[in-house]
Amino acid sequence: MVVVLLVAVLPMGVVVVSHWLDSNVQDTMRSNLAEAAEEMVALQDANGVARRHGVWIRVLDAQGNIAAEANHEAAPLALTDVFFGPDGAPTLQAADDAQGPLHARAEVVLARTQGSTTHCALTPLGQLVVCAHARALPNGGVVHVTESSRRAVRALHDVRYQLLKLLLAVLPVGVLLAWWLGWRMIRPLDHLRRQAMQLVPQARAKALQLGRDDEFGDLAHAFNSLLSALDERRKANEAWVADLTHEFKNPVAAIRAAAESLANGPPDPVRLARLARVLNDSSQRLDALVTQLLELARAEGGMKNEARTEVDLAQMARGIAGTLKAVEPFKDVTVSVDGRWSVCVEGVPARLESALRNLMDNAASFAGPGGWVRVHMDIVGNDAVVTVSDSGPGISPEDLPRVFERFYTTRGERRGTGLGLALTRAVVEAHGGRIQVTSPPAHGAVFEFTLPAAP
């Protein structure tokens, strides 16, 4: 409403301001001309006085002839021409020529009898204000000082009455239009706000209803997409807590059972050795879970405080392949690294090694004795591409969408913590990359991740 009122009233406001400027400029010019004339009488320096005051000075002798002259009137500001076009205002020289001989003008004649006089007038078309001051000299001569000023925004000033009529006609329409537009914008926003506030105590994602097919409908759709994503994250967190509780429950239960067995009496050496194994296995299980959960949390947080340096993934993969061959379960698995000899990225070396080792260890465990694992290194455009494939049984179509979920595993009796692939994805994404998995029929699993290559 304020904007509409300002736009509607602005032209008349400009007219009022311009009229005020026009009335004040004449008083300013009169004062300036009088000061210039007095200085001229005292200093007899037409050029210097004209320059200081920005005026046109002419000195007439007793016979009416021009004895001295200096014109240093400032050039008129033509900013209004840019907005309203040229108004054809005459120059001071042209306006002065139209007034006839200087010695016969009214202000000169009056100055000879009254001592001094000032006269301001508009040019015939009202485009220029011209002020002249005449000051009599003791020797019978006259100092004549002239200054001019173009009228501010004259085009609007000339149509001020038409503008007032237009304002009275447009203002009611503008006010109604402003009210309607405000109602159209505020009502749907307030409706969305009230729905959102009603959902706050429930802490559940429920679609906002608006029923509009415009920008506000798009806004409601965006909010609904956000709410849906938050709800999916909430469900994932709930499932993760349930899985975490389950994972901790078994080793904790084993430790409790061992503690109760020890409390029942002094055990024999065989029973003591069995309880020691139970405690050791359970504590290792808990330690592995806690360690991987901490690493996963840091990776999902972006590893912002960890130093990054240039890492050669190809060299890292060859090193991991060598260590896998020394591990008992993988001695009969053929692990090869091919493609580019050097593939460098910027990252945290320990995290990248953990992610790559998880993929290669996972592939080797499913390839089994006599199987193979192949790591291919390449650079495509500005990305480093690492592909880890194996000769294992592959991944079923129903399991493919879940392989990167926390605590999800298909290893059965060889089951790990189920956090390795989730940690790998978090590390890759924390380095600005992406990872995907495919399982071609009868060709095992293929994991591929890309990272921005080092410059």
Protein backbone atom coordinates (compact mmCIF):
# COMPACT_ATOMS: atom_id res chain seq x y z
CA MET A 1 0.00 0.00 0.00
CA VAL A 2 2.83 2.40 0.85
CA VAL A 3 4.57 1.64 -2.45
CA VAL A 4 1.40 2.33 -4.46
CA LEU A 5 0.82 5.60 -2.61
CA LEU A 6 4.40 6.71 -3.18
CA VAL A 7 4.27 5.92 -6.90
CA ALA A 8 0.93 7.68 -7.35
CA VAL A 9 1.84 10.81 -5.38
CA LEU A 10 5.45 11.09 -6.59
CA PRO A 11 4.77 13.21 -9.74
CA MET A 12 2.85 15.82 -7.75
CA GLY A 13 5.57 15.73 -5.10
CA VAL A 14 8.15 16.49 -7.77
CA VAL A 15 6.05 19.43 -8.97
CA VAL A 16 5.78 20.85 -5.44
CA VAL A 17 9.53 20.48 -4.85
CA SER A 18 10.35 22.07 -8.20
CA HIS A 19 8.06 25.03 -7.43
CA TRP A 20 9.79 25.47 -4.07
CA LEU A 21 13.20 25.33 -5.75
CA ASP A 22 12.12 27.92 -8.32
CA SER A 23 10.95 30.31 -5.61
CA ASN A 24 14.11 29.92 -3.57
CA VAL A 25 16.48 30.20 -6.51
CA GLN A 26 15.35 33.75 -7.25
CA ASP A 27 16.15 34.89 -3.72
CA THR A 28 19.56 33.22 -3.97
CA MET A 29 20.26 34.87 -7.30
CA ARG A 30 19.26 38.33 -6.02
CA SER A 31 21.64 38.04 -3.08
CA ASN A 32 24.49 36.77 -5.25
CA LEU A 33 24.06 39.55 -7.80
CA ALA A 34 24.03 42.28 -5.13
CA GLU A 35 27.23 40.93 -3.54
CA ALA A 36 28.92 40.74 -6.95
CA ALA A 37 27.99 44.35 -7.74
CA GLU A 38 29.34 45.63 -4.39
CA GLU A 39 32.62 43.74 -4.91
CA MET A 40 32.90 45.16 -8.41
CA VAL A 41 32.54 48.72 -7.07
CA ALA A 42 35.21 48.05 -4.46
CA LEU A 43 37.71 45.98 -6.48
CA GLN A 44 37.19 47.15 -10.06
CA ASP A 45 38.08 43.59 -11.22
CA ALA A 46 35.31 42.44 -13.55
CA ASN A 47 36.96 39.15 -14.51
CA GLY A 48 37.79 38.06 -10.95
CA VAL A 49 34.40 39.02 -9.50
CA ALA A 50 32.49 37.35 -12.36
CA ARG A 51 34.47 34.13 -11.88
CA ARG A 52 33.93 34.01 -8.11
CA HIS A 53 30.18 34.56 -8.35
CA GLY A 54 29.51 32.81 -11.66
CA VAL A 55 27.79 35.82 -13.21
CA TRP A 56 27.90 38.12 -16.26
CA ILE A 57 29.25 41.59 -15.39
CA ARG A 58 29.13 44.65 -17.64
CA VAL A 59 30.23 48.15 -16.63
CA LEU A 60 28.62 51.13 -18.43
CA ASP A 61 30.18 54.55 -18.51
CA ALA A 62 28.23 57.81 -18.15
CA GLN A 63 27.41 57.80 -21.87
CA GLY A 64 25.97 54.26 -21.75
CA ASN A 65 28.87 52.52 -23.48
CA ILE A 66 30.29 49.21 -22.16
CA ALA A 67 33.60 49.99 -20.49
CA ALA A 68 34.34 46.51 -19.07
CA GLU A 69 32.78 43.05 -19.42
CA ALA A 70 33.30 39.51 -18.08
CA ASN A 71 30.99 36.50 -18.40
CA HIS A 72 31.61 33.49 -16.17
CA GLU A 73 28.09 32.25 -15.66
CA ALA A 74 28.11 28.51 -14.82
CA ALA A 75 26.87 26.13 -17.50
CA PRO A 76 23.25 25.07 -16.83
CA LEU A 77 22.62 21.59 -15.45
CA ALA A 78 20.83 19.51 -18.05
CA LEU A 79 19.99 16.42 -15.97
CA THR A 80 16.30 16.99 -16.53
CA ASP A 81 16.85 16.63 -20.29
CA VAL A 82 17.74 12.98 -19.73
CA PHE A 83 14.36 12.24 -18.13
CA PHE A 84 11.99 14.75 -19.73
CA GLY A 85 13.75 15.66 -22.96
CA PRO A 86 15.16 19.08 -23.90
CA ASP A 87 12.81 21.95 -23.13
CA GLY A 88 14.35 24.40 -25.59
CA ALA A 89 15.31 26.95 -22.95
CA PRO A 90 17.30 29.84 -24.46
CA THR A 91 20.80 30.75 -23.37
CA LEU A 92 21.42 33.81 -21.23
CA GLN A 93 23.01 35.51 -24.25
CA ALA A 94 19.90 34.93 -26.36
CA ALA A 95 17.57 36.09 -23.59
CA ASP A 96 19.70 39.20 -23.06
CA ASP A 97 19.76 40.08 -26.77
CA ALA A 98 15.94 40.03 -26.81
CA GLN A 99 15.76 42.81 -24.19
CA GLY A 100 17.19 45.56 -26.32
CA PRO A 101 20.03 48.03 -25.63
CA LEU A 102 21.57 47.68 -22.19
CA HIS A 103 21.66 51.40 -21.35
CA ALA A 104 17.90 51.77 -22.01
CA ARG A 105 16.72 48.91 -19.79
CA ALA A 106 14.48 49.64 -16.81
CA GLU A 107 16.92 48.42 -14.14
CA VAL A 108 19.72 50.65 -15.55
CA VAL A 109 17.48 53.73 -15.69
CA LEU A 110 16.20 53.12 -12.14
CA ALA A 111 19.72 52.53 -10.82
CA ARG A 112 20.79 56.01 -12.01
CA THR A 113 18.03 57.58 -9.92
CA GLN A 114 17.65 55.09 -7.00
CA GLY A 115 21.24 53.84 -6.62
CA SER A 116 20.55 50.15 -7.22
CA THR A 117 17.76 47.83 -8.28
CA THR A 118 17.19 44.16 -9.03
CA HIS A 119 14.75 42.71 -11.51
CA CYS A 120 13.85 39.02 -12.20
CA ALA A 121 11.67 37.79 -15.02
CA LEU A 122 10.84 34.67 -17.03
CA THR A 123 11.56 34.35 -20.72
CA PRO A 124 8.40 34.42 -22.90
CA LEU A 125 7.85 30.62 -22.77
CA GLY A 126 8.71 30.37 -19.07
CA GLN A 127 11.78 28.24 -19.65
CA LEU A 128 14.45 30.47 -18.08
CA VAL A 129 14.58 32.75 -15.03
CA VAL A 130 16.78 35.81 -15.68
CA CYS A 131 17.77 38.15 -12.84
CA ALA A 132 19.62 41.46 -13.38
CA HIS A 133 21.07 43.85 -10.78
CA ALA A 134 22.16 47.39 -11.59
CA ARG A 135 24.35 49.53 -9.27
CA ALA A 136 25.12 53.18 -9.91
CA LEU A 137 28.75 54.36 -9.84
CA PRO A 138 29.97 57.74 -8.54
CA ASN A 139 31.22 58.71 -12.01
CA GLY A 140 27.75 58.31 -13.53
CA GLY A 141 28.34 54.81 -14.79
CA VAL A 142 26.45 51.63 -13.89
CA VAL A 143 27.54 48.11 -12.94
CA HIS A 144 25.16 45.60 -14.52
CA VAL A 145 25.25 42.00 -13.24
CA THR A 146 23.15 39.19 -14.79
CA GLU A 147 22.49 35.54 -13.86
CA SER A 148 20.03 32.94 -15.14
CA SER A 149 18.57 29.63 -14.05
CA ARG A 150 16.51 27.03 -15.89
CA ARG A 151 13.25 26.08 -14.17
CA ALA A 152 13.42 22.72 -12.43
CA VAL A 153 11.34 19.98 -14.13
CA ARG A 154 9.36 22.54 -16.10
CA ALA A 155 7.55 19.84 -18.12
CA LEU A 156 5.83 18.55 -14.99
CA HIS A 157 5.23 22.04 -13.66
CA ASP A 158 3.33 23.03 -16.81
CA VAL A 159 0.94 20.09 -16.49
CA ARG A 160 0.53 20.26 -12.71
CA TYR A 161 -3.25 20.65 -12.87
CA GLN A 162 -3.61 17.72 -15.24
CA LEU A 163 -1.37 15.67 -12.94
CA LEU A 164 -3.59 16.53 -9.99
CA LYS A 165 -6.69 15.35 -11.86
CA LEU A 166 -4.90 12.16 -12.87
CA LEU A 167 -3.80 11.58 -9.26
CA LEU A 168 -7.38 11.87 -8.00
CA ALA A 169 -8.51 9.33 -10.61
CA VAL A 170 -5.62 6.85 -10.21
CA LEU A 171 -5.21 6.89 -6.44
CA PRO A 172 -8.45 5.00 -5.56
CA VAL A 173 -7.70 2.39 -8.23
CA GLY A 174 -4.13 2.06 -6.94
CA VAL A 175 -5.30 1.63 -3.36
CA LEU A 176 -7.77 -1.10 -4.37
CA LEU A 177 -5.12 -2.83 -6.47
CA ALA A 178 -2.63 -2.70 -3.61
CA TRP A 179 -5.18 -4.19 -1.21
CA TRP A 180 -6.04 -6.97 -3.66
CA LEU A 181 -2.41 -7.86 -4.34
CA GLY A 182 -1.63 -7.87 -0.62
CA TRP A 183 -4.62 -10.12 0.04
CA ARG A 184 -3.53 -12.47 -2.75
CA MET A 185 -0.03 -12.77 -1.27
CA ILE A 186 -0.65 -12.67 2.47
CA ARG A 187 -3.59 -15.10 2.58
CA PRO A 188 -1.76 -18.17 1.13
CA LEU A 189 1.40 -17.40 3.11
CA ASP A 190 -0.59 -17.15 6.32
CA HIS A 191 -2.36 -20.41 5.44
CA LEU A 192 0.97 -22.17 4.97
CA ARG A 193 2.30 -20.65 8.20
CA ARG A 194 -0.67 -21.87 10.23
CA GLN A 195 -0.38 -25.38 8.82
CA ALA A 196 3.35 -25.46 9.54
CA MET A 197 2.82 -24.26 13.12
CA GLN A 198 0.18 -26.96 13.67
CA LEU A 199 2.73 -29.62 12.67
CA VAL A 200 5.38 -28.39 15.11
CA PRO A 201 4.02 -30.15 18.26
CA GLN A 202 3.58 -33.40 16.30
CA ALA A 203 7.11 -33.33 14.87
CA ARG A 204 5.80 -35.31 11.91
CA ALA A 205 5.98 -34.54 8.21
CA LYS A 206 2.51 -34.05 6.78
CA ALA A 207 1.92 -32.50 3.38
CA LEU A 208 0.82 -28.86 3.44
CA GLN A 209 -2.42 -28.26 1.54
CA LEU A 210 -2.87 -25.10 -0.53
CA GLY A 211 -4.66 -26.11 -3.73
CA ARG A 212 -3.13 -23.47 -6.00
CA ASP A 213 -1.30 -23.84 -9.30
CA ASP A 214 0.87 -20.71 -9.15
CA GLU A 215 4.08 -19.57 -7.45
CA PHE A 216 2.56 -20.19 -4.02
CA GLY A 217 1.63 -23.70 -5.12
CA ASP A 218 5.27 -24.20 -6.14
CA LEU A 219 6.33 -22.92 -2.71
CA ALA A 220 4.00 -25.38 -0.98
CA HIS A 221 5.36 -28.18 -3.16
CA ALA A 222 8.93 -27.23 -2.20
CA PHE A 223 7.99 -27.27 1.49
CA ASN A 224 6.36 -30.66 1.05
CA SER A 225 9.49 -32.02 -0.63
CA LEU A 226 11.56 -30.73 2.29
CA LEU A 227 9.15 -32.23 4.83
CA SER A 228 9.21 -35.56 2.99
CA ALA A 229 13.03 -35.61 2.99
CA LEU A 230 13.06 -34.77 6.72
CA ASP A 231 10.58 -37.54 7.39
CA GLU A 232 12.71 -40.03 5.45
CA ARG A 233 15.73 -38.94 7.46
CA ARG A 234 13.77 -39.32 10.69
CA LYS A 235 12.70 -42.84 9.74
CA ALA A 236 16.28 -43.70 8.78
CA ASN A 237 17.53 -42.41 12.14
CA GLU A 238 14.89 -44.44 13.98
CA ALA A 239 15.91 -47.56 12.06
CA TRP A 240 19.57 -46.79 12.74
CA VAL A 241 18.95 -46.48 16.48
CA ALA A 242 17.07 -49.79 16.45
CA ASP A 243 19.92 -51.48 14.56
CA LEU A 244 22.52 -49.91 16.84
CA THR A 245 20.66 -51.15 19.89
CA HIS A 246 20.52 -54.64 18.41
CA GLU A 247 24.24 -54.61 17.54
CA PHE A 248 25.20 -53.57 21.07
CA LYS A 249 22.77 -55.96 22.70
CA ASN A 250 24.54 -59.21 21.77
CA PRO A 251 28.08 -58.36 23.03
CA VAL A 252 26.66 -56.67 26.12
CA ALA A 253 24.56 -59.74 26.84
CA ALA A 254 27.62 -61.97 26.40
CA ILE A 255 29.66 -59.83 28.79
CA ARG A 256 26.83 -59.89 31.34
CA ALA A 257 26.54 -63.68 31.09
CA ALA A 258 30.30 -64.06 31.57
CA ALA A 259 30.17 -61.77 34.61
CA GLU A 260 27.32 -63.78 36.12
CA SER A 261 29.21 -67.03 35.48
CA LEU A 262 32.27 -65.68 37.26
CA ALA A 263 30.13 -64.57 40.19
CA ASN A 264 28.77 -68.11 40.70
CA GLY A 265 32.04 -69.46 41.99
CA PRO A 266 35.67 -70.04 41.10
CA PRO A 267 35.75 -71.45 37.54
CA ASP A 268 37.97 -74.29 36.41
CA PRO A 269 40.78 -73.47 33.92
CA VAL A 270 38.79 -74.69 30.91
CA ARG A 271 35.74 -72.66 31.84
CA LEU A 272 37.91 -69.65 32.65
CA ALA A 273 39.57 -69.80 29.24
CA ARG A 274 36.14 -69.98 27.55
CA LEU A 275 34.88 -66.96 29.50
CA ALA A 276 38.04 -65.03 28.65
CA ARG A 277 37.42 -65.69 24.97
CA VAL A 278 33.81 -64.54 25.31
CA LEU A 279 34.88 -61.32 27.04
CA ASN A 280 37.64 -60.69 24.51
CA ASP A 281 35.40 -61.29 21.48
CA SER A 282 32.60 -59.15 22.91
CA SER A 283 34.91 -56.28 23.84
CA GLN A 284 36.52 -56.37 20.38
CA ARG A 285 33.06 -56.33 18.82
CA LEU A 286 32.08 -53.30 20.90
CA ASP A 287 35.38 -51.55 20.18
CA ALA A 288 34.96 -52.10 16.44
CA LEU A 289 31.42 -50.78 16.52
CA VAL A 290 32.34 -47.66 18.51
CA THR A 291 35.39 -46.96 16.34
CA GLN A 292 33.46 -47.28 13.06
CA LEU A 293 30.58 -45.22 14.39
CA LEU A 294 32.95 -42.41 15.35
CA GLU A 295 34.62 -42.57 11.92
CA LEU A 296 31.22 -42.57 10.23
CA ALA A 297 30.08 -39.55 12.25
CA ARG A 298 33.24 -37.61 11.34
CA ALA A 299 32.90 -38.53 7.67
CA GLU A 300 29.23 -37.55 7.52
CA GLY A 301 30.18 -34.26 9.21
CA GLY A 302 32.50 -33.49 6.27
CA MET A 303 35.82 -33.98 8.10
CA LYS A 304 36.20 -30.19 8.17
CA ASN A 305 39.05 -30.08 10.68
CA GLU A 306 41.18 -32.81 9.10
CA ALA A 307 44.20 -31.80 7.03
CA ARG A 308 44.05 -32.66 3.35
CA THR A 309 46.92 -33.32 1.00
CA GLU A 310 47.57 -34.85 -2.39
CA VAL A 311 46.90 -38.60 -2.41
CA ASP A 312 47.81 -41.08 -5.16
CA LEU A 313 44.90 -43.54 -5.21
CA ALA A 314 46.63 -45.89 -7.65
CA GLN A 315 49.67 -46.25 -5.40
CA MET A 316 47.37 -46.65 -2.39
CA ALA A 317 45.42 -49.43 -4.13
CA ARG A 318 48.61 -51.31 -5.01
CA GLY A 319 49.68 -51.11 -1.36
CA ILE A 320 46.33 -52.44 -0.12
CA ALA A 321 46.45 -55.26 -2.69
CA GLY A 322 49.81 -56.33 -1.31
CA THR A 323 48.52 -56.46 2.27
CA LEU A 324 45.41 -58.43 1.26
CA LYS A 325 47.55 -61.18 -0.21
CA ALA A 326 49.17 -61.62 3.21
CA VAL A 327 45.83 -62.09 4.99
CA GLU A 328 44.94 -65.74 5.53
CA PRO A 329 41.37 -65.72 4.14
CA PHE A 330 42.49 -63.94 0.95
CA LYS A 331 45.71 -65.82 0.06
CA ASP A 332 44.01 -67.65 -2.80
CA VAL A 333 42.29 -64.50 -4.16
CA THR A 334 43.95 -62.78 -7.12
CA VAL A 335 44.00 -58.99 -6.54
CA SER A 336 45.12 -56.78 -9.45
CA VAL A 337 45.35 -53.02 -10.00
CA ASP A 338 45.38 -51.75 -13.61
CA GLY A 339 44.65 -48.60 -15.59
CA ARG A 340 46.57 -45.39 -14.98
CA TRP A 341 49.74 -45.72 -12.97
CA SER A 342 49.06 -42.55 -11.01
CA VAL A 343 45.67 -41.06 -10.07
CA CYS A 344 45.94 -38.15 -7.62
CA VAL A 345 43.23 -36.40 -5.59
CA GLU A 346 43.13 -33.90 -2.73
CA GLY A 347 41.94 -35.52 0.49
CA VAL A 348 42.55 -37.02 3.91
CA PRO A 349 44.92 -39.98 3.29
CA ALA A 350 43.75 -42.14 6.22
CA ARG A 351 40.06 -41.71 5.32
CA LEU A 352 40.58 -42.45 1.64
CA GLU A 353 42.64 -45.53 2.50
CA SER A 354 39.87 -46.74 4.83
CA ALA A 355 37.23 -46.28 2.10
CA LEU A 356 39.30 -48.04 -0.58
CA ARG A 357 40.29 -50.85 1.79
CA ASN A 358 36.64 -51.43 2.70
CA LEU A 359 35.74 -51.87 -0.96
CA MET A 360 38.68 -54.17 -1.75
CA ASP A 361 38.23 -56.21 1.45
CA ASN A 362 34.52 -56.56 0.76
CA ALA A 363 35.21 -57.66 -2.83
CA ALA A 364 37.85 -60.20 -1.74
CA SER A 365 35.58 -61.71 0.90
CA PHE A 366 32.84 -62.34 -1.65
CA ALA A 367 35.22 -63.50 -4.41
CA GLY A 368 36.34 -66.38 -2.18
CA PRO A 369 39.27 -68.80 -2.74
CA GLY A 370 40.24 -69.00 -6.39
CA GLY A 371 38.37 -65.79 -7.21
CA TRP A 372 39.67 -62.45 -8.31
CA VAL A 373 39.39 -58.74 -7.47
CA ARG A 374 40.19 -56.08 -10.07
CA VAL A 375 40.79 -52.40 -9.28
CA HIS A 376 40.79 -50.13 -12.33
CA MET A 377 42.18 -46.57 -12.14
CA ASP A 378 41.28 -43.85 -14.63
CA ILE A 379 40.81 -40.09 -15.06
CA VAL A 380 37.73 -38.92 -16.96
CA GLY A 381 37.62 -35.18 -17.55
CA ASN A 382 38.34 -33.57 -14.18
CA ASP A 383 37.40 -36.65 -12.16
CA ALA A 384 39.41 -39.56 -10.81
CA VAL A 385 37.42 -42.77 -11.36
CA VAL A 386 38.10 -45.92 -9.30
CA THR A 387 36.29 -49.18 -10.15
CA VAL A 388 36.42 -52.23 -7.87
CA SER A 389 34.94 -55.43 -9.33
CA ASP A 390 35.03 -59.06 -8.19
CA SER A 391 34.15 -62.58 -9.32
CA GLY A 392 31.74 -63.17 -6.45
CA PRO A 393 28.06 -64.12 -6.66
CA GLY A 394 27.03 -60.50 -7.10
CA ILE A 395 24.23 -58.60 -5.38
CA SER A 396 20.56 -59.38 -5.83
CA PRO A 397 18.36 -56.62 -7.32
CA GLU A 398 16.41 -56.25 -4.07
CA ASP A 399 19.64 -55.77 -2.08
CA LEU A 400 21.28 -53.22 -4.40
CA PRO A 401 19.40 -50.14 -3.07
CA ARG A 402 20.37 -51.00 0.52
CA VAL A 403 24.05 -51.90 0.33
CA PHE A 404 25.14 -48.48 1.63
CA GLU A 405 22.74 -48.50 4.60
CA ARG A 406 24.15 -48.68 8.11
CA PHE A 407 24.27 -52.17 9.62
CA TYR A 408 23.05 -53.78 6.38
CA THR A 409 25.02 -56.86 5.33
CA THR A 410 24.44 -60.08 3.37
CA ARG A 411 27.47 -61.99 4.64
CA GLY A 412 25.50 -64.37 6.86
CA GLU A 413 27.86 -66.25 9.14
CA ARG A 414 30.77 -64.07 7.94
CA ARG A 415 28.84 -60.99 8.93
CA GLY A 416 30.79 -57.88 9.83
CA THR A 417 29.50 -54.74 11.50
CA GLY A 418 27.55 -53.62 8.42
CA LEU A 419 29.13 -50.15 8.59
CA GLY A 420 31.97 -50.52 6.07
CA LEU A 421 30.09 -49.48 2.92
CA ALA A 422 28.18 -46.75 4.76
CA LEU A 423 31.53 -45.36 5.91
CA THR A 424 32.93 -45.62 2.38
CA ARG A 425 30.05 -43.61 0.94
CA ALA A 426 30.35 -40.96 3.66
CA VAL A 427 34.10 -40.57 3.01
CA VAL A 428 33.62 -40.30 -0.76
CA GLU A 429 30.85 -37.70 -0.41
CA ALA A 430 32.87 -35.74 2.18
CA HIS A 431 35.56 -35.40 -0.52
CA GLY A 432 33.04 -34.04 -3.03
CA GLY A 433 32.63 -37.34 -4.88
CA ARG A 434 29.92 -39.91 -5.50
CA ILE A 435 29.74 -43.70 -5.41
CA GLN A 436 27.49 -46.26 -7.07
CA VAL A 437 27.17 -50.03 -7.30
CA THR A 438 25.99 -52.35 -10.07
CA SER A 439 25.80 -56.11 -10.32
CA PRO A 440 25.69 -57.44 -13.88
CA PRO A 441 24.26 -60.97 -14.08
CA ALA A 442 26.94 -63.61 -13.44
CA HIS A 443 29.68 -60.95 -13.21
CA GLY A 444 29.89 -60.21 -9.49
CA ALA A 445 29.56 -56.72 -7.97
CA VAL A 446 31.04 -53.53 -9.42
CA PHE A 447 31.62 -50.53 -7.14
CA GLU A 448 32.66 -47.25 -8.79
CA PHE A 449 33.44 -43.95 -7.12
CA THR A 450 34.61 -40.66 -8.55
CA LEU A 451 36.50 -37.85 -6.85
CA PRO A 452 37.69 -34.47 -8.15
CA ALA A 453 41.16 -35.05 -9.56
CA ALA A 454 44.04 -32.98 -8.19
CA PRO A 455 45.04 -30.11 -10.51
